[in-house]
Amino acid sequence: MAIIINSQVEPVGSIKSWVLSELSPLPAEWLICDGSTVVDDSSPFNGLSLPDMRSQFSDQNFVMIIKVK
């Protein structure tokens, strides 16, 4: 079963878990919740810090991501 992400359906600000791999790269318009500052003039989060959710998983391939535009 394949999981398809339709970026038009999920609202900006949505947060979800993601498995990083060569077969499932980070989707466009999403960033890893690592406490970094968004630098993207087209994002409503521009200049804001993302939540730092790196401690949610012990496996570094599992991350929390947020839709920023």
PDB file of N, CA and C in Angstrom:
ATOM      1  N   MET A   1       0.843  -1.169   0.000  1.00  0.00           N
ATOM      2  CA  MET A   1       0.000   0.000   0.000  1.00  0.00           C
ATOM      3  C   MET A   1       0.893   1.238   0.000  1.00  0.00           C
ATOM      4  N   ALA A   2       0.651   2.150  -0.908  1.00  0.00           N
ATOM      5  CA  ALA A   2       1.428   3.384  -1.003  1.00  0.00           C
ATOM      6  C   ALA A   2       0.700   4.507  -0.280  1.00  0.00           C
ATOM      7  N   ILE A   3       1.478   5.395   0.321  1.00  0.00           N
ATOM      8  CA  ILE A   3       0.906   6.573   0.968  1.00  0.00           C
ATOM      9  C   ILE A   3       1.167   7.755   0.056  1.00  0.00           C
ATOM     10  N   ILE A   4       0.119   8.446  -0.310  1.00  0.00           N
ATOM     11  CA  ILE A   4       0.233   9.597  -1.198  1.00  0.00           C
ATOM     12  C   ILE A   4      -0.091  10.851  -0.400  1.00  0.00           C
ATOM     13  N   ILE A   5       0.788  11.838  -0.474  1.00  0.00           N
ATOM     14  CA  ILE A   5       0.557  13.104   0.221  1.00  0.00           C
ATOM     15  C   ILE A   5       0.090  14.126  -0.796  1.00  0.00           C
ATOM     16  N   ASN A   6      -1.074  14.664  -0.558  1.00  0.00           N
ATOM     17  CA  ASN A   6      -1.598  15.738  -1.394  1.00  0.00           C
ATOM     18  C   ASN A   6      -1.441  17.018  -0.606  1.00  0.00           C
ATOM     19  N   SER A   7      -0.475  17.855  -0.991  1.00  0.00           N
ATOM     20  CA  SER A   7      -0.172  19.050  -0.217  1.00  0.00           C
ATOM     21  C   SER A   7      -1.321  20.052  -0.224  1.00  0.00           C
ATOM     22  N   GLN A   8      -2.283  19.904  -1.116  1.00  0.00           N
ATOM     23  CA  GLN A   8      -3.429  20.803  -1.144  1.00  0.00           C
ATOM     24  C   GLN A   8      -4.413  20.478  -0.025  1.00  0.00           C
ATOM     25  N   VAL A   9      -4.376  19.275   0.515  1.00  0.00           N
ATOM     26  CA  VAL A   9      -5.330  18.837   1.518  1.00  0.00           C
ATOM     27  C   VAL A   9      -4.886  19.211   2.924  1.00  0.00           C
ATOM     28  N   GLU A  10      -3.624  19.113   3.214  1.00  0.00           N
ATOM     29  CA  GLU A  10      -3.125  19.355   4.558  1.00  0.00           C
ATOM     30  C   GLU A  10      -2.837  20.843   4.747  1.00  0.00           C
ATOM     31  N   PRO A  11      -3.441  21.461   5.777  1.00  0.00           N
ATOM     32  CA  PRO A  11      -3.270  22.908   5.964  1.00  0.00           C
ATOM     33  C   PRO A  11      -1.867  23.277   6.448  1.00  0.00           C
ATOM     34  N   VAL A  12      -1.470  24.489   6.146  1.00  0.00           N
ATOM     35  CA  VAL A  12      -0.204  25.022   6.642  1.00  0.00           C
ATOM     36  C   VAL A  12      -0.234  24.949   8.163  1.00  0.00           C
ATOM     37  N   GLY A  13       0.862  24.510   8.748  1.00  0.00           N
ATOM     38  CA  GLY A  13       0.949  24.362  10.190  1.00  0.00           C
ATOM     39  C   GLY A  13       0.718  22.934  10.658  1.00  0.00           C
ATOM     40  N   SER A  14       0.310  22.051   9.726  1.00  0.00           N
ATOM     41  CA  SER A  14       0.121  20.647  10.082  1.00  0.00           C
ATOM     42  C   SER A  14       1.450  20.037  10.493  1.00  0.00           C
ATOM     43  N   ILE A  15       1.438  19.212  11.533  1.00  0.00           N
ATOM     44  CA  ILE A  15       2.630  18.513  11.996  1.00  0.00           C
ATOM     45  C   ILE A  15       2.342  17.020  11.964  1.00  0.00           C
ATOM     46  N   LYS A  16       3.332  16.239  11.462  1.00  0.00           N
ATOM     47  CA  LYS A  16       3.165  14.785  11.433  1.00  0.00           C
ATOM     48  C   LYS A  16       4.523  14.109  11.483  1.00  0.00           C
ATOM     49  N   SER A  17       4.504  12.816  11.738  1.00  0.00           N
ATOM     50  CA  SER A  17       5.754  12.054  11.745  1.00  0.00           C
ATOM     51  C   SER A  17       6.096  11.661  10.309  1.00  0.00           C
ATOM     52  N   TRP A  18       7.402  11.445  10.085  1.00  0.00           N
ATOM     53  CA  TRP A  18       7.882  11.113   8.739  1.00  0.00           C
ATOM     54  C   TRP A  18       9.099  10.221   8.867  1.00  0.00           C
ATOM     55  N   VAL A  19       9.259   9.309   7.935  1.00  0.00           N
ATOM     56  CA  VAL A  19      10.445   8.459   7.882  1.00  0.00           C
ATOM     57  C   VAL A  19      11.333   8.972   6.758  1.00  0.00           C
ATOM     58  N   LEU A  20      12.513   9.455   7.097  1.00  0.00           N
ATOM     59  CA  LEU A  20      13.450   9.942   6.086  1.00  0.00           C
ATOM     60  C   LEU A  20      14.207   8.777   5.473  1.00  0.00           C
ATOM     61  N   SER A  21      14.217   8.699   4.155  1.00  0.00           N
ATOM     62  CA  SER A  21      15.002   7.693   3.451  1.00  0.00           C
ATOM     63  C   SER A  21      15.136   8.142   2.003  1.00  0.00           C
ATOM     64  N   GLU A  22      15.938   7.419   1.238  1.00  0.00           N
ATOM     65  CA  GLU A  22      16.076   7.730  -0.185  1.00  0.00           C
ATOM     66  C   GLU A  22      14.759   7.517  -0.910  1.00  0.00           C
ATOM     67  N   LEU A  23      13.932   6.606  -0.406  1.00  0.00           N
ATOM     68  CA  LEU A  23      12.645   6.326  -1.036  1.00  0.00           C
ATOM     69  C   LEU A  23      11.539   7.262  -0.575  1.00  0.00           C
ATOM     70  N   SER A  24      11.754   7.946   0.518  1.00  0.00           N
ATOM     71  CA  SER A  24      10.738   8.881   1.014  1.00  0.00           C
ATOM     72  C   SER A  24      11.397  10.183   1.471  1.00  0.00           C
ATOM     73  N   PRO A  25      11.908  10.978   0.513  1.00  0.00           N
ATOM     74  CA  PRO A  25      12.537  12.247   0.883  1.00  0.00           C
ATOM     75  C   PRO A  25      11.494  13.206   1.471  1.00  0.00           C
ATOM     76  N   LEU A  26      11.968  14.228   2.129  1.00  0.00           N
ATOM     77  CA  LEU A  26      11.086  15.218   2.725  1.00  0.00           C
ATOM     78  C   LEU A  26      10.207  15.845   1.644  1.00  0.00           C
ATOM     79  N   PRO A  27       8.888  15.863   1.841  1.00  0.00           N
ATOM     80  CA  PRO A  27       7.998  16.441   0.829  1.00  0.00           C
ATOM     81  C   PRO A  27       8.245  17.943   0.666  1.00  0.00           C
ATOM     82  N   ALA A  28       7.954  18.458  -0.525  1.00  0.00           N
ATOM     83  CA  ALA A  28       8.064  19.893  -0.778  1.00  0.00           C
ATOM     84  C   ALA A  28       7.137  20.632   0.184  1.00  0.00           C
ATOM     85  N   GLU A  29       7.523  21.800   0.586  1.00  0.00           N
ATOM     86  CA  GLU A  29       6.747  22.670   1.466  1.00  0.00           C
ATOM     87  C   GLU A  29       6.722  22.207   2.919  1.00  0.00           C
ATOM     88  N   TRP A  30       7.524  21.204   3.270  1.00  0.00           N
ATOM     89  CA  TRP A  30       7.593  20.703   4.635  1.00  0.00           C
ATOM     90  C   TRP A  30       9.015  20.865   5.155  1.00  0.00           C
ATOM     91  N   LEU A  31       9.161  21.127   6.452  1.00  0.00           N
ATOM     92  CA  LEU A  31      10.476  21.223   7.096  1.00  0.00           C
ATOM     93  C   LEU A  31      10.482  20.343   8.343  1.00  0.00           C
ATOM     94  N   ILE A  32      11.671  19.899   8.722  1.00  0.00           N
ATOM     95  CA  ILE A  32      11.824  19.106   9.936  1.00  0.00           C
ATOM     96  C   ILE A  32      11.679  20.021  11.154  1.00  0.00           C
ATOM     97  N   CYS A  33      10.928  19.582  12.137  1.00  0.00           N
ATOM     98  CA  CYS A  33      10.730  20.339  13.380  1.00  0.00           C
ATOM     99  C   CYS A  33      11.981  20.197  14.245  1.00  0.00           C
ATOM    100  N   ASP A  34      12.963  21.070  13.974  1.00  0.00           N
ATOM    101  CA  ASP A  34      14.245  20.977  14.664  1.00  0.00           C
ATOM    102  C   ASP A  34      14.632  22.263  15.390  1.00  0.00           C
ATOM    103  N   GLY A  35      13.681  23.168  15.546  1.00  0.00           N
ATOM    104  CA  GLY A  35      13.952  24.415  16.249  1.00  0.00           C
ATOM    105  C   GLY A  35      14.576  25.497  15.390  1.00  0.00           C
ATOM    106  N   SER A  36      14.797  25.210  14.103  1.00  0.00           N
ATOM    107  CA  SER A  36      15.422  26.201  13.226  1.00  0.00           C
ATOM    108  C   SER A  36      14.430  27.311  12.861  1.00  0.00           C
ATOM    109  N   THR A  37      14.956  28.395  12.325  1.00  0.00           N
ATOM    110  CA  THR A  37      14.139  29.527  11.894  1.00  0.00           C
ATOM    111  C   THR A  37      13.797  29.373  10.419  1.00  0.00           C
ATOM    112  N   VAL A  38      12.536  29.610  10.081  1.00  0.00           N
ATOM    113  CA  VAL A  38      12.094  29.521   8.679  1.00  0.00           C
ATOM    114  C   VAL A  38      12.606  30.746   7.942  1.00  0.00           C
ATOM    115  N   VAL A  39      13.272  30.507   6.810  1.00  0.00           N
ATOM    116  CA  VAL A  39      13.757  31.583   5.950  1.00  0.00           C
ATOM    117  C   VAL A  39      13.144  31.345   4.573  1.00  0.00           C
ATOM    118  N   ASP A  40      11.937  31.875   4.387  1.00  0.00           N
ATOM    119  CA  ASP A  40      11.201  31.689   3.133  1.00  0.00           C
ATOM    120  C   ASP A  40      10.124  32.769   3.068  1.00  0.00           C
ATOM    121  N   ASP A  41      10.336  33.765   2.204  1.00  0.00           N
ATOM    122  CA  ASP A  41       9.400  34.890   2.115  1.00  0.00           C
ATOM    123  C   ASP A  41       7.983  34.474   1.738  1.00  0.00           C
ATOM    124  N   SER A  42       7.817  33.305   1.108  1.00  0.00           N
ATOM    125  CA  SER A  42       6.481  32.868   0.693  1.00  0.00           C
ATOM    126  C   SER A  42       5.756  32.076   1.786  1.00  0.00           C
ATOM    127  N   SER A  43       6.389  31.894   2.942  1.00  0.00           N
ATOM    128  CA  SER A  43       5.793  31.136   4.039  1.00  0.00           C
ATOM    129  C   SER A  43       5.252  32.077   5.116  1.00  0.00           C
ATOM    130  N   PRO A  44       4.062  31.789   5.638  1.00  0.00           N
ATOM    131  CA  PRO A  44       3.566  32.604   6.756  1.00  0.00           C
ATOM    132  C   PRO A  44       4.404  32.425   8.030  1.00  0.00           C
ATOM    133  N   PHE A  45       5.274  31.418   8.051  1.00  0.00           N
ATOM    134  CA  PHE A  45       6.161  31.174   9.187  1.00  0.00           C
ATOM    135  C   PHE A  45       7.524  31.845   9.012  1.00  0.00           C
ATOM    136  N   ASN A  46       7.717  32.623   7.953  1.00  0.00           N
ATOM    137  CA  ASN A  46       8.998  33.273   7.688  1.00  0.00           C
ATOM    138  C   ASN A  46       9.449  34.070   8.915  1.00  0.00           C
ATOM    139  N   GLY A  47      10.669  33.805   9.363  1.00  0.00           N
ATOM    140  CA  GLY A  47      11.240  34.502  10.513  1.00  0.00           C
ATOM    141  C   GLY A  47      10.883  33.885  11.854  1.00  0.00           C
ATOM    142  N   LEU A  48      10.018  32.878  11.864  1.00  0.00           N
ATOM    143  CA  LEU A  48       9.621  32.231  13.116  1.00  0.00           C
ATOM    144  C   LEU A  48      10.418  30.945  13.337  1.00  0.00           C
ATOM    145  N   SER A  49      10.590  30.590  14.582  1.00  0.00           N
ATOM    146  CA  SER A  49      11.282  29.338  14.916  1.00  0.00           C
ATOM    147  C   SER A  49      10.301  28.176  14.891  1.00  0.00           C
ATOM    148  N   LEU A  50      10.738  27.076  14.310  1.00  0.00           N
ATOM    149  CA  LEU A  50       9.932  25.864  14.300  1.00  0.00           C
ATOM    150  C   LEU A  50      10.016  25.199  15.670  1.00  0.00           C
ATOM    151  N   PRO A  51       9.007  24.391  16.032  1.00  0.00           N
ATOM    152  CA  PRO A  51       9.138  23.647  17.285  1.00  0.00           C
ATOM    153  C   PRO A  51      10.292  22.644  17.179  1.00  0.00           C
ATOM    154  N   ASP A  52      10.958  22.393  18.291  1.00  0.00           N
ATOM    155  CA  ASP A  52      12.049  21.418  18.305  1.00  0.00           C
ATOM    156  C   ASP A  52      11.487  20.102  18.836  1.00  0.00           C
ATOM    157  N   MET A  53      11.248  19.169  17.925  1.00  0.00           N
ATOM    158  CA  MET A  53      10.647  17.891  18.288  1.00  0.00           C
ATOM    159  C   MET A  53      11.590  16.725  17.995  1.00  0.00           C
ATOM    160  N   ARG A  54      12.903  17.007  17.985  1.00  0.00           N
ATOM    161  CA  ARG A  54      13.880  15.970  17.656  1.00  0.00           C
ATOM    162  C   ARG A  54      13.919  14.842  18.674  1.00  0.00           C
ATOM    163  N   SER A  55      13.495  15.076  19.879  1.00  0.00           N
ATOM    164  CA  SER A  55      13.578  14.034  20.907  1.00  0.00           C
ATOM    165  C   SER A  55      12.373  13.090  20.889  1.00  0.00           C
ATOM    166  N   GLN A  56      11.478  13.234  19.938  1.00  0.00           N
ATOM    167  CA  GLN A  56      10.284  12.393  19.881  1.00  0.00           C
ATOM    168  C   GLN A  56      10.597  10.938  19.540  1.00  0.00           C
ATOM    169  N   PHE A  57      11.671  10.710  18.779  1.00  0.00           N
ATOM    170  CA  PHE A  57      12.027   9.362  18.341  1.00  0.00           C
ATOM    171  C   PHE A  57      13.496   9.099  18.626  1.00  0.00           C
ATOM    172  N   SER A  58      13.825   7.875  19.000  1.00  0.00           N
ATOM    173  CA  SER A  58      15.236   7.532  19.222  1.00  0.00           C
ATOM    174  C   SER A  58      15.938   7.199  17.903  1.00  0.00           C
ATOM    175  N   ASP A  59      15.189   6.793  16.888  1.00  0.00           N
ATOM    176  CA  ASP A  59      15.745   6.485  15.576  1.00  0.00           C
ATOM    177  C   ASP A  59      15.803   7.770  14.758  1.00  0.00           C
ATOM    178  N   GLN A  60      16.981   8.152  14.281  1.00  0.00           N
ATOM    179  CA  GLN A  60      17.138   9.415  13.552  1.00  0.00           C
ATOM    180  C   GLN A  60      16.443   9.427  12.202  1.00  0.00           C
ATOM    181  N   ASN A  61      15.989   8.266  11.717  1.00  0.00           N
ATOM    182  CA  ASN A  61      15.254   8.244  10.457  1.00  0.00           C
ATOM    183  C   ASN A  61      13.807   8.680  10.635  1.00  0.00           C
ATOM    184  N   PHE A  62      13.328   8.679  11.872  1.00  0.00           N
ATOM    185  CA  PHE A  62      11.975   9.141  12.157  1.00  0.00           C
ATOM    186  C   PHE A  62      12.056  10.582  12.635  1.00  0.00           C
ATOM    187  N   VAL A  63      11.285  11.469  12.006  1.00  0.00           N
ATOM    188  CA  VAL A  63      11.297  12.888  12.375  1.00  0.00           C
ATOM    189  C   VAL A  63       9.864  13.412  12.394  1.00  0.00           C
ATOM    190  N   MET A  64       9.690  14.555  13.024  1.00  0.00           N
ATOM    191  CA  MET A  64       8.425  15.281  12.974  1.00  0.00           C
ATOM    192  C   MET A  64       8.619  16.395  11.961  1.00  0.00           C
ATOM    193  N   ILE A  65       7.627  16.580  11.077  1.00  0.00           N
ATOM    194  CA  ILE A  65       7.722  17.614  10.061  1.00  0.00           C
ATOM    195  C   ILE A  65       6.509  18.536  10.150  1.00  0.00           C
ATOM    196  N   ILE A  66       6.675  19.763   9.638  1.00  0.00           N
ATOM    197  CA  ILE A  66       5.601  20.751   9.650  1.00  0.00           C
ATOM    198  C   ILE A  66       5.464  21.354   8.253  1.00  0.00           C
ATOM    199  N   LYS A  67       4.230  21.552   7.828  1.00  0.00           N
ATOM    200  CA  LYS A  67       3.987  22.174   6.527  1.00  0.00           C
ATOM    201  C   LYS A  67       4.093  23.674   6.701  1.00  0.00           C
ATOM    202  N   VAL A  68       5.020  24.303   5.967  1.00  0.00           N
ATOM    203  CA  VAL A  68       5.292  25.736   6.142  1.00  0.00           C
ATOM    204  C   VAL A  68       4.741  26.628   5.037  1.00  0.00           C
ATOM    205  N   LYS A  69       4.212  26.014   3.980  1.00  0.00           N
ATOM    206  CA  LYS A  69       3.548  26.834   2.940  1.00  0.00           C
ATOM    207  C   LYS A  69       2.690  25.971   2.060  1.00  0.00           C
TER     208      LYS A  69
END
